Amino acid sequence: MLIRFKRNLEKIAMGLLSFMPEEKDVKKLQETIREYEENDGWHLHLWKEDDDVLGAVGVQIMNDNQLVIKHLTVNPSHRDQGIGSRMIAEIHRIYSDKYNIVPAESVKAFYEKSLDAL
């Protein structure tokens, strides 16, 4: 299930986001987390199963009708289990009534593959 990012989960969120190629640099990663903490238009969600946080999906509200999926990552030891696709499905469930959802370039290929599976 998706849960909203909270400050007490910051290290877990940073660990998950660090699996994304553009978030390898620690300074860049810290800037990204700060955006999710301070910017009202940025929302980070974590995928939790049982007591484990296994994935993260971050979105940015661009304007009144568009939302961009900026980040999408799953712990490597839990990949190929459909978690990424379930996160995308949940983002659509939560936001599609109000926003046109589009992927950022870094998640586009996986996003399109996931939509085909839904």
Protein backbone atom coordinates (compact mmCIF):
# COMPACT_ATOMS: atom_id res chain seq x y z
CA MET A 1 0.00 0.00 0.00
CA LEU A 2 1.11 3.56 -0.64
CA ILE A 3 1.84 5.77 2.34
CA ARG A 4 2.82 9.43 2.33
CA PHE A 5 6.45 10.21 3.02
CA LYS A 6 7.16 11.40 6.56
CA ARG A 7 10.40 12.79 7.93
CA ASN A 8 10.98 9.72 10.13
CA LEU A 9 11.26 7.66 6.92
CA GLU A 10 13.82 9.98 5.33
CA LYS A 11 16.75 7.53 5.36
CA ILE A 12 14.63 4.78 3.83
CA ALA A 13 13.32 7.17 1.16
CA MET A 14 16.85 8.39 0.37
CA GLY A 15 18.04 4.80 0.08
CA LEU A 16 15.28 3.94 -2.36
CA LEU A 17 15.72 7.10 -4.44
CA SER A 18 19.47 6.45 -4.64
CA PHE A 19 18.70 3.48 -6.92
CA MET A 20 17.65 5.98 -9.61
CA PRO A 21 20.60 6.89 -11.88
CA GLU A 22 20.06 10.65 -11.63
CA GLU A 23 19.97 10.49 -7.82
CA LYS A 24 23.36 8.83 -7.22
CA ASP A 25 25.05 12.02 -6.00
CA VAL A 26 24.42 12.62 -2.28
CA LYS A 27 23.94 16.39 -2.69
CA LYS A 28 21.40 15.86 -5.49
CA LEU A 29 19.61 13.26 -3.38
CA GLN A 30 19.43 15.64 -0.40
CA GLU A 31 18.04 18.40 -2.67
CA THR A 32 15.38 16.02 -3.98
CA ILE A 33 14.29 14.99 -0.48
CA ARG A 34 14.18 18.66 0.53
CA GLU A 35 11.86 19.39 -2.43
CA TYR A 36 9.50 16.65 -1.26
CA GLU A 37 9.57 17.99 2.30
CA GLU A 38 9.20 21.70 1.54
CA ASN A 39 7.39 22.06 -1.78
CA ASP A 40 3.59 21.67 -1.61
CA GLY A 41 3.50 20.58 -5.26
CA TRP A 42 5.85 17.63 -4.72
CA HIS A 43 4.47 14.43 -3.14
CA LEU A 44 6.55 11.38 -2.26
CA HIS A 45 4.78 8.11 -1.57
CA LEU A 46 6.37 4.94 -0.23
CA TRP A 47 5.19 1.40 -0.96
CA LYS A 48 4.84 -0.60 2.23
CA GLU A 49 4.13 -4.32 2.56
CA ASP A 50 3.90 -5.79 6.03
CA ASP A 51 6.48 -3.69 7.92
CA ASP A 52 8.87 -3.20 5.01
CA VAL A 53 9.13 -0.17 2.73
CA LEU A 54 9.93 -1.62 -0.69
CA GLY A 55 9.48 1.23 -3.16
CA ALA A 56 8.99 4.93 -3.72
CA VAL A 57 7.09 7.02 -6.22
CA GLY A 58 7.35 10.78 -6.36
CA VAL A 59 5.07 13.14 -8.24
CA GLN A 60 5.10 16.84 -9.03
CA ILE A 61 1.95 18.84 -9.62
CA MET A 62 2.81 21.07 -12.56
CA ASN A 63 -0.41 23.10 -12.85
CA ASP A 64 -4.15 22.78 -12.32
CA ASN A 65 -4.43 19.75 -14.58
CA GLN A 66 -1.05 18.04 -14.98
CA LEU A 67 0.93 15.78 -12.66
CA VAL A 68 4.35 14.34 -13.53
CA ILE A 69 5.68 11.10 -12.08
CA LYS A 70 9.23 12.22 -11.29
CA HIS A 71 10.62 9.22 -9.44
CA LEU A 72 9.79 5.54 -9.43
CA THR A 73 12.01 3.01 -7.71
CA VAL A 74 11.81 -0.41 -6.09
CA ASN A 75 14.36 -2.07 -3.82
CA PRO A 76 16.41 -4.29 -6.17
CA SER A 77 15.78 -7.41 -4.08
CA HIS A 78 12.02 -6.95 -4.61
CA ARG A 79 11.96 -6.12 -8.33
CA ASP A 80 10.01 -8.14 -10.89
CA GLN A 81 7.18 -8.68 -8.41
CA GLY A 82 4.81 -6.05 -9.82
CA ILE A 83 5.44 -3.44 -7.10
CA GLY A 84 6.27 -0.66 -9.57
CA SER A 85 3.13 -1.37 -11.57
CA ARG A 86 1.02 -1.39 -8.40
CA MET A 87 2.50 1.96 -7.37
CA ILE A 88 1.58 3.45 -10.74
CA ALA A 89 -1.94 2.02 -10.47
CA GLU A 90 -2.31 3.62 -7.01
CA ILE A 91 -1.04 6.98 -8.27
CA HIS A 92 -3.70 6.80 -10.99
CA ARG A 93 -6.34 5.88 -8.42
CA ILE A 94 -5.38 8.79 -6.17
CA TYR A 95 -4.75 11.52 -8.72
CA SER A 96 -6.40 10.75 -12.09
CA ASP A 97 -9.73 12.37 -11.19
CA LYS A 98 -8.02 15.74 -10.94
CA TYR A 99 -4.85 15.51 -13.06
CA ASN A 100 -3.61 14.30 -16.39
CA ILE A 101 -0.74 12.01 -15.33
CA VAL A 102 2.44 11.92 -17.42
CA PRO A 103 5.82 10.32 -16.73
CA ALA A 104 9.14 12.12 -16.53
CA GLU A 105 11.64 10.94 -19.14
CA SER A 106 13.53 8.88 -16.55
CA VAL A 107 10.48 6.70 -15.78
CA LYS A 108 8.73 6.83 -19.15
CA ALA A 109 9.69 3.38 -20.48
CA PHE A 110 8.66 1.59 -17.28
CA TYR A 111 5.49 3.69 -16.98
CA GLU A 112 4.34 2.82 -20.50
CA LYS A 113 5.10 -0.87 -19.93
CA SER A 114 3.11 -0.78 -16.69
CA LEU A 115 0.10 0.87 -18.33
CA ASP A 116 0.01 -1.93 -20.89
CA ALA A 117 -0.15 -4.44 -18.02
CA LEU A 118 -3.00 -2.67 -16.19
